[in-house]
Amino acid sequence: MYTTPWCGYCHRLKSQLDREGITYEIVDIEQQPDAAAIVESANNGNQTVPTLVYADGTAQTNPSLAQVKAKLEALSA
């Protein structure tokens, strides 16, 4: 999950994923310039977080918990 420390949407999604037992890796785009470039490429030049990038290379920006779960289910099928 590409994030920033001050992002409320990021904190909310992290809490939801934690409650569901879904693991993820945190990448702070303010600390890693290369990560900011990945987020920008997924969001038409914007540094919009949370941005999740999946094993298949696709990304979701500010997804709901239901969207994340559906994507993970599709990837595991």
PDB file of N, CA and C in Angstrom:
ATOM      1  N   MET A   1       0.851  -1.167   0.000  1.00  0.00           N
ATOM      2  CA  MET A   1       0.000   0.000   0.000  1.00  0.00           C
ATOM      3  C   MET A   1       0.899   1.232   0.000  1.00  0.00           C
ATOM      4  N   TYR A   2       0.750   2.045  -1.010  1.00  0.00           N
ATOM      5  CA  TYR A   2       1.462   3.313  -1.078  1.00  0.00           C
ATOM      6  C   TYR A   2       0.647   4.316  -0.281  1.00  0.00           C
ATOM      7  N   THR A   3       1.324   5.036   0.611  1.00  0.00           N
ATOM      8  CA  THR A   3       0.637   5.846   1.598  1.00  0.00           C
ATOM      9  C   THR A   3       1.491   7.033   2.029  1.00  0.00           C
ATOM     10  N   THR A   4       0.911   7.873   2.873  1.00  0.00           N
ATOM     11  CA  THR A   4       1.635   8.919   3.597  1.00  0.00           C
ATOM     12  C   THR A   4       1.205   8.831   5.060  1.00  0.00           C
ATOM     13  N   PRO A   5       2.020   9.327   5.973  1.00  0.00           N
ATOM     14  CA  PRO A   5       1.665   9.230   7.392  1.00  0.00           C
ATOM     15  C   PRO A   5       0.412  10.017   7.771  1.00  0.00           C
ATOM     16  N   TRP A   6       0.091  11.059   7.020  1.00  0.00           N
ATOM     17  CA  TRP A   6      -1.012  11.948   7.372  1.00  0.00           C
ATOM     18  C   TRP A   6      -2.323  11.627   6.655  1.00  0.00           C
ATOM     19  N   CYS A   7      -2.344  10.591   5.845  1.00  0.00           N
ATOM     20  CA  CYS A   7      -3.523  10.268   5.028  1.00  0.00           C
ATOM     21  C   CYS A   7      -4.595   9.539   5.850  1.00  0.00           C
ATOM     22  N   GLY A   8      -5.712  10.196   6.067  1.00  0.00           N
ATOM     23  CA  GLY A   8      -6.817   9.589   6.812  1.00  0.00           C
ATOM     24  C   GLY A   8      -7.416   8.381   6.114  1.00  0.00           C
ATOM     25  N   TYR A   9      -7.547   8.445   4.792  1.00  0.00           N
ATOM     26  CA  TYR A   9      -8.090   7.317   4.040  1.00  0.00           C
ATOM     27  C   TYR A   9      -7.173   6.099   4.165  1.00  0.00           C
ATOM     28  N   CYS A  10      -5.864   6.363   4.205  1.00  0.00           N
ATOM     29  CA  CYS A  10      -4.892   5.279   4.360  1.00  0.00           C
ATOM     30  C   CYS A  10      -5.052   4.612   5.723  1.00  0.00           C
ATOM     31  N   HIS A  11      -5.164   5.411   6.769  1.00  0.00           N
ATOM     32  CA  HIS A  11      -5.331   4.865   8.116  1.00  0.00           C
ATOM     33  C   HIS A  11      -6.599   4.023   8.206  1.00  0.00           C
ATOM     34  N   ARG A  12      -7.676   4.515   7.597  1.00  0.00           N
ATOM     35  CA  ARG A  12      -8.940   3.768   7.617  1.00  0.00           C
ATOM     36  C   ARG A  12      -8.788   2.427   6.907  1.00  0.00           C
ATOM     37  N   LEU A  13      -8.212   2.429   5.714  1.00  0.00           N
ATOM     38  CA  LEU A  13      -8.058   1.184   4.962  1.00  0.00           C
ATOM     39  C   LEU A  13      -7.127   0.221   5.695  1.00  0.00           C
ATOM     40  N   LYS A  14      -6.037   0.723   6.269  1.00  0.00           N
ATOM     41  CA  LYS A  14      -5.133  -0.137   7.035  1.00  0.00           C
ATOM     42  C   LYS A  14      -5.881  -0.824   8.167  1.00  0.00           C
ATOM     43  N   SER A  15      -6.701  -0.074   8.891  1.00  0.00           N
ATOM     44  CA  SER A  15      -7.474  -0.647  10.001  1.00  0.00           C
ATOM     45  C   SER A  15      -8.420  -1.736   9.505  1.00  0.00           C
ATOM     46  N   GLN A  16      -9.075  -1.486   8.388  1.00  0.00           N
ATOM     47  CA  GLN A  16     -10.005  -2.471   7.833  1.00  0.00           C
ATOM     48  C   GLN A  16      -9.269  -3.731   7.397  1.00  0.00           C
ATOM     49  N   LEU A  17      -8.134  -3.569   6.740  1.00  0.00           N
ATOM     50  CA  LEU A  17      -7.355  -4.726   6.298  1.00  0.00           C
ATOM     51  C   LEU A  17      -6.834  -5.512   7.499  1.00  0.00           C
ATOM     52  N   ASP A  18      -6.389  -4.798   8.524  1.00  0.00           N
ATOM     53  CA  ASP A  18      -5.909  -5.462   9.741  1.00  0.00           C
ATOM     54  C   ASP A  18      -7.023  -6.298  10.373  1.00  0.00           C
ATOM     55  N   ARG A  19      -8.217  -5.737  10.467  1.00  0.00           N
ATOM     56  CA  ARG A  19      -9.352  -6.459  11.055  1.00  0.00           C
ATOM     57  C   ARG A  19      -9.683  -7.723  10.276  1.00  0.00           C
ATOM     58  N   GLU A  20      -9.478  -7.683   8.963  1.00  0.00           N
ATOM     59  CA  GLU A  20      -9.780  -8.830   8.097  1.00  0.00           C
ATOM     60  C   GLU A  20      -8.620  -9.813   8.007  1.00  0.00           C
ATOM     61  N   GLY A  21      -7.493  -9.469   8.604  1.00  0.00           N
ATOM     62  CA  GLY A  21      -6.332 -10.343   8.537  1.00  0.00           C
ATOM     63  C   GLY A  21      -5.636 -10.335   7.190  1.00  0.00           C
ATOM     64  N   ILE A  22      -5.821  -9.283   6.427  1.00  0.00           N
ATOM     65  CA  ILE A  22      -5.206  -9.156   5.104  1.00  0.00           C
ATOM     66  C   ILE A  22      -3.858  -8.456   5.277  1.00  0.00           C
ATOM     67  N   THR A  23      -2.802  -9.111   4.852  1.00  0.00           N
ATOM     68  CA  THR A  23      -1.475  -8.526   5.008  1.00  0.00           C
ATOM     69  C   THR A  23      -1.148  -7.614   3.829  1.00  0.00           C
ATOM     70  N   TYR A  24      -0.283  -6.663   4.097  1.00  0.00           N
ATOM     71  CA  TYR A  24       0.110  -5.685   3.087  1.00  0.00           C
ATOM     72  C   TYR A  24       1.438  -5.083   3.506  1.00  0.00           C
ATOM     73  N   GLU A  25       2.091  -4.468   2.575  1.00  0.00           N
ATOM     74  CA  GLU A  25       3.349  -3.778   2.838  1.00  0.00           C
ATOM     75  C   GLU A  25       3.101  -2.281   2.709  1.00  0.00           C
ATOM     76  N   ILE A  26       3.609  -1.513   3.659  1.00  0.00           N
ATOM     77  CA  ILE A  26       3.465  -0.054   3.635  1.00  0.00           C
ATOM     78  C   ILE A  26       4.668   0.560   2.931  1.00  0.00           C
ATOM     79  N   VAL A  27       4.391   1.455   1.984  1.00  0.00           N
ATOM     80  CA  VAL A  27       5.446   2.207   1.311  1.00  0.00           C
ATOM     81  C   VAL A  27       5.068   3.685   1.422  1.00  0.00           C
ATOM     82  N   ASP A  28       5.854   4.437   2.168  1.00  0.00           N
ATOM     83  CA  ASP A  28       5.612   5.869   2.385  1.00  0.00           C
ATOM     84  C   ASP A  28       6.191   6.641   1.203  1.00  0.00           C
ATOM     85  N   ILE A  29       5.324   7.243   0.403  1.00  0.00           N
ATOM     86  CA  ILE A  29       5.792   7.928  -0.801  1.00  0.00           C
ATOM     87  C   ILE A  29       6.554   9.219  -0.484  1.00  0.00           C
ATOM     88  N   GLU A  30       6.414   9.724   0.734  1.00  0.00           N
ATOM     89  CA  GLU A  30       7.186  10.908   1.114  1.00  0.00           C
ATOM     90  C   GLU A  30       8.629  10.553   1.454  1.00  0.00           C
ATOM     91  N   GLN A  31       8.871   9.305   1.796  1.00  0.00           N
ATOM     92  CA  GLN A  31      10.219   8.850   2.153  1.00  0.00           C
ATOM     93  C   GLN A  31      10.927   8.163   0.993  1.00  0.00           C
ATOM     94  N   GLN A  32      10.165   7.732  -0.010  1.00  0.00           N
ATOM     95  CA  GLN A  32      10.745   6.988  -1.134  1.00  0.00           C
ATOM     96  C   GLN A  32      10.314   7.619  -2.461  1.00  0.00           C
ATOM     97  N   PRO A  33      11.144   8.474  -3.033  1.00  0.00           N
ATOM     98  CA  PRO A  33      10.790   9.156  -4.289  1.00  0.00           C
ATOM     99  C   PRO A  33      10.415   8.204  -5.419  1.00  0.00           C
ATOM    100  N   ASP A  34      11.064   7.038  -5.494  1.00  0.00           N
ATOM    101  CA  ASP A  34      10.716   6.076  -6.542  1.00  0.00           C
ATOM    102  C   ASP A  34       9.278   5.605  -6.376  1.00  0.00           C
ATOM    103  N   ALA A  35       8.842   5.475  -5.124  1.00  0.00           N
ATOM    104  CA  ALA A  35       7.471   5.049  -4.846  1.00  0.00           C
ATOM    105  C   ALA A  35       6.479   6.113  -5.290  1.00  0.00           C
ATOM    106  N   ALA A  36       6.828   7.375  -5.082  1.00  0.00           N
ATOM    107  CA  ALA A  36       5.953   8.464  -5.517  1.00  0.00           C
ATOM    108  C   ALA A  36       5.753   8.411  -7.031  1.00  0.00           C
ATOM    109  N   ALA A  37       6.786   8.063  -7.750  1.00  0.00           N
ATOM    110  CA  ALA A  37       6.684   7.957  -9.214  1.00  0.00           C
ATOM    111  C   ALA A  37       5.746   6.822  -9.615  1.00  0.00           C
ATOM    112  N   ILE A  38       5.756   5.726  -8.867  1.00  0.00           N
ATOM    113  CA  ILE A  38       4.842   4.610  -9.151  1.00  0.00           C
ATOM    114  C   ILE A  38       3.401   5.051  -8.946  1.00  0.00           C
ATOM    115  N   VAL A  39       3.158   5.766  -7.853  1.00  0.00           N
ATOM    116  CA  VAL A  39       1.806   6.263  -7.566  1.00  0.00           C
ATOM    117  C   VAL A  39       1.363   7.238  -8.646  1.00  0.00           C
ATOM    118  N   GLU A  40       2.249   8.118  -9.052  1.00  0.00           N
ATOM    119  CA  GLU A  40       1.912   9.078 -10.106  1.00  0.00           C
ATOM    120  C   GLU A  40       1.566   8.361 -11.415  1.00  0.00           C
ATOM    121  N   SER A  41       2.300   7.304 -11.734  1.00  0.00           N
ATOM    122  CA  SER A  41       2.027   6.595 -12.983  1.00  0.00           C
ATOM    123  C   SER A  41       0.679   5.881 -12.937  1.00  0.00           C
ATOM    124  N   ALA A  42       0.235   5.484 -11.761  1.00  0.00           N
ATOM    125  CA  ALA A  42      -1.058   4.807 -11.618  1.00  0.00           C
ATOM    126  C   ALA A  42      -2.222   5.786 -11.524  1.00  0.00           C
ATOM    127  N   ASN A  43      -1.914   7.081 -11.300  1.00  0.00           N
ATOM    128  CA  ASN A  43      -2.966   8.063 -11.034  1.00  0.00           C
ATOM    129  C   ASN A  43      -2.848   9.319 -11.894  1.00  0.00           C
ATOM    130  N   ASN A  44      -2.504   9.134 -13.149  1.00  0.00           N
ATOM    131  CA  ASN A  44      -2.454  10.246 -14.105  1.00  0.00           C
ATOM    132  C   ASN A  44      -1.636  11.421 -13.603  1.00  0.00           C
ATOM    133  N   GLY A  45      -0.480  11.128 -12.993  1.00  0.00           N
ATOM    134  CA  GLY A  45       0.418  12.181 -12.539  1.00  0.00           C
ATOM    135  C   GLY A  45       0.161  12.684 -11.126  1.00  0.00           C
ATOM    136  N   ASN A  46      -0.881  12.184 -10.482  1.00  0.00           N
ATOM    137  CA  ASN A  46      -1.215  12.624  -9.124  1.00  0.00           C
ATOM    138  C   ASN A  46      -0.649  11.672  -8.078  1.00  0.00           C
ATOM    139  N   GLN A  47      -0.306  12.222  -6.926  1.00  0.00           N
ATOM    140  CA  GLN A  47       0.179  11.404  -5.813  1.00  0.00           C
ATOM    141  C   GLN A  47      -0.995  11.088  -4.887  1.00  0.00           C
ATOM    142  N   THR A  48      -1.961  10.359  -5.401  1.00  0.00           N
ATOM    143  CA  THR A  48      -3.165  10.013  -4.660  1.00  0.00           C
ATOM    144  C   THR A  48      -2.948   8.710  -3.896  1.00  0.00           C
ATOM    145  N   VAL A  49      -3.201   8.757  -2.594  1.00  0.00           N
ATOM    146  CA  VAL A  49      -3.055   7.581  -1.740  1.00  0.00           C
ATOM    147  C   VAL A  49      -4.330   7.390  -0.931  1.00  0.00           C
ATOM    148  N   PRO A  50      -4.636   6.167  -0.512  1.00  0.00           N
ATOM    149  CA  PRO A  50      -3.844   4.968  -0.711  1.00  0.00           C
ATOM    150  C   PRO A  50      -3.956   4.438  -2.140  1.00  0.00           C
ATOM    151  N   THR A  51      -2.838   3.995  -2.644  1.00  0.00           N
ATOM    152  CA  THR A  51      -2.791   3.292  -3.919  1.00  0.00           C
ATOM    153  C   THR A  51      -2.248   1.899  -3.633  1.00  0.00           C
ATOM    154  N   LEU A  52      -2.989   0.896  -4.062  1.00  0.00           N
ATOM    155  CA  LEU A  52      -2.560  -0.491  -3.891  1.00  0.00           C
ATOM    156  C   LEU A  52      -2.159  -1.032  -5.250  1.00  0.00           C
ATOM    157  N   VAL A  53      -0.994  -1.668  -5.315  1.00  0.00           N
ATOM    158  CA  VAL A  53      -0.527  -2.301  -6.539  1.00  0.00           C
ATOM    159  C   VAL A  53      -0.446  -3.795  -6.250  1.00  0.00           C
ATOM    160  N   TYR A  54      -1.055  -4.572  -7.118  1.00  0.00           N
ATOM    161  CA  TYR A  54      -1.183  -6.012  -6.911  1.00  0.00           C
ATOM    162  C   TYR A  54      -0.136  -6.789  -7.698  1.00  0.00           C
ATOM    163  N   ALA A  55      -0.046  -8.057  -7.400  1.00  0.00           N
ATOM    164  CA  ALA A  55       0.952  -8.938  -8.019  1.00  0.00           C
ATOM    165  C   ALA A  55       0.842  -8.970  -9.541  1.00  0.00           C
ATOM    166  N   ASP A  56      -0.352  -8.740 -10.070  1.00  0.00           N
ATOM    167  CA  ASP A  56      -0.528  -8.765 -11.527  1.00  0.00           C
ATOM    168  C   ASP A  56      -0.206  -7.420 -12.180  1.00  0.00           C
ATOM    169  N   GLY A  57       0.241  -6.446 -11.363  1.00  0.00           N
ATOM    170  CA  GLY A  57       0.624  -5.138 -11.895  1.00  0.00           C
ATOM    171  C   GLY A  57      -0.491  -4.122 -11.940  1.00  0.00           C
ATOM    172  N   THR A  58      -1.723  -4.529 -11.659  1.00  0.00           N
ATOM    173  CA  THR A  58      -2.823  -3.580 -11.648  1.00  0.00           C
ATOM    174  C   THR A  58      -2.816  -2.792 -10.343  1.00  0.00           C
ATOM    175  N   ALA A  59      -3.524  -1.666 -10.345  1.00  0.00           N
ATOM    176  CA  ALA A  59      -3.566  -0.799  -9.169  1.00  0.00           C
ATOM    177  C   ALA A  59      -4.994  -0.365  -8.882  1.00  0.00           C
ATOM    178  N   GLN A  60      -5.237  -0.076  -7.606  1.00  0.00           N
ATOM    179  CA  GLN A  60      -6.499   0.523  -7.176  1.00  0.00           C
ATOM    180  C   GLN A  60      -6.150   1.731  -6.321  1.00  0.00           C
ATOM    181  N   THR A  61      -6.886   2.815  -6.507  1.00  0.00           N
ATOM    182  CA  THR A  61      -6.672   4.022  -5.732  1.00  0.00           C
ATOM    183  C   THR A  61      -7.852   4.249  -4.815  1.00  0.00           C
ATOM    184  N   ASN A  62      -7.554   4.401  -3.528  1.00  0.00           N
ATOM    185  CA  ASN A  62      -8.551   4.595  -2.485  1.00  0.00           C
ATOM    186  C   ASN A  62      -9.694   3.578  -2.602  1.00  0.00           C
ATOM    187  N   PRO A  63      -9.347   2.291  -2.679  1.00  0.00           N
ATOM    188  CA  PRO A  63     -10.393   1.280  -2.836  1.00  0.00           C
ATOM    189  C   PRO A  63     -11.133   1.028  -1.520  1.00  0.00           C
ATOM    190  N   SER A  64     -12.329   0.516  -1.649  1.00  0.00           N
ATOM    191  CA  SER A  64     -13.069   0.064  -0.472  1.00  0.00           C
ATOM    192  C   SER A  64     -12.524  -1.296  -0.059  1.00  0.00           C
ATOM    193  N   LEU A  65     -12.848  -1.713   1.152  1.00  0.00           N
ATOM    194  CA  LEU A  65     -12.440  -3.036   1.607  1.00  0.00           C
ATOM    195  C   LEU A  65     -13.023  -4.103   0.682  1.00  0.00           C
ATOM    196  N   ALA A  66     -14.262  -3.927   0.265  1.00  0.00           N
ATOM    197  CA  ALA A  66     -14.899  -4.896  -0.633  1.00  0.00           C
ATOM    198  C   ALA A  66     -14.140  -4.996  -1.958  1.00  0.00           C
ATOM    199  N   GLN A  67     -13.672  -3.872  -2.488  1.00  0.00           N
ATOM    200  CA  GLN A  67     -12.913  -3.899  -3.742  1.00  0.00           C
ATOM    201  C   GLN A  67     -11.591  -4.635  -3.568  1.00  0.00           C
ATOM    202  N   VAL A  68     -10.927  -4.414  -2.433  1.00  0.00           N
ATOM    203  CA  VAL A  68      -9.657  -5.092  -2.183  1.00  0.00           C
ATOM    204  C   VAL A  68      -9.889  -6.598  -2.067  1.00  0.00           C
ATOM    205  N   LYS A  69     -10.901  -6.977  -1.305  1.00  0.00           N
ATOM    206  CA  LYS A  69     -11.185  -8.403  -1.129  1.00  0.00           C
ATOM    207  C   LYS A  69     -11.546  -9.068  -2.454  1.00  0.00           C
ATOM    208  N   ALA A  70     -12.319  -8.380  -3.293  1.00  0.00           N
ATOM    209  CA  ALA A  70     -12.698  -8.933  -4.600  1.00  0.00           C
ATOM    210  C   ALA A  70     -11.463  -9.111  -5.484  1.00  0.00           C
ATOM    211  N   LYS A  71     -10.570  -8.141  -5.454  1.00  0.00           N
ATOM    212  CA  LYS A  71      -9.353  -8.235  -6.267  1.00  0.00           C
ATOM    213  C   LYS A  71      -8.471  -9.373  -5.788  1.00  0.00           C
ATOM    214  N   LEU A  72      -8.299  -9.489  -4.487  1.00  0.00           N
ATOM    215  CA  LEU A  72      -7.479 -10.576  -3.947  1.00  0.00           C
ATOM    216  C   LEU A  72      -8.086 -11.938  -4.260  1.00  0.00           C
ATOM    217  N   GLU A  73      -9.403 -12.019  -4.222  1.00  0.00           N
ATOM    218  CA  GLU A  73     -10.084 -13.284  -4.565  1.00  0.00           C
ATOM    219  C   GLU A  73      -9.855 -13.628  -6.031  1.00  0.00           C
ATOM    220  N   ALA A  74      -9.960 -12.627  -6.894  1.00  0.00           N
ATOM    221  CA  ALA A  74      -9.752 -12.848  -8.328  1.00  0.00           C
ATOM    222  C   ALA A  74      -8.314 -13.296  -8.605  1.00  0.00           C
ATOM    223  N   LEU A  75      -7.353 -12.722  -7.883  1.00  0.00           N
ATOM    224  CA  LEU A  75      -5.957 -13.093  -8.077  1.00  0.00           C
ATOM    225  C   LEU A  75      -5.660 -14.506  -7.608  1.00  0.00           C
ATOM    226  N   SER A  76      -6.403 -14.965  -6.615  1.00  0.00           N
ATOM    227  CA  SER A  76      -6.128 -16.304  -6.079  1.00  0.00           C
ATOM    228  C   SER A  76      -6.853 -17.410  -6.843  1.00  0.00           C
ATOM    229  N   ALA A  77      -7.723 -17.020  -7.767  1.00  0.00           N
ATOM    230  CA  ALA A  77      -8.497 -18.008  -8.535  1.00  0.00           C
ATOM    231  C   ALA A  77      -7.699 -18.593  -9.669  1.00  0.00           C
TER     232      ALA A  77
END
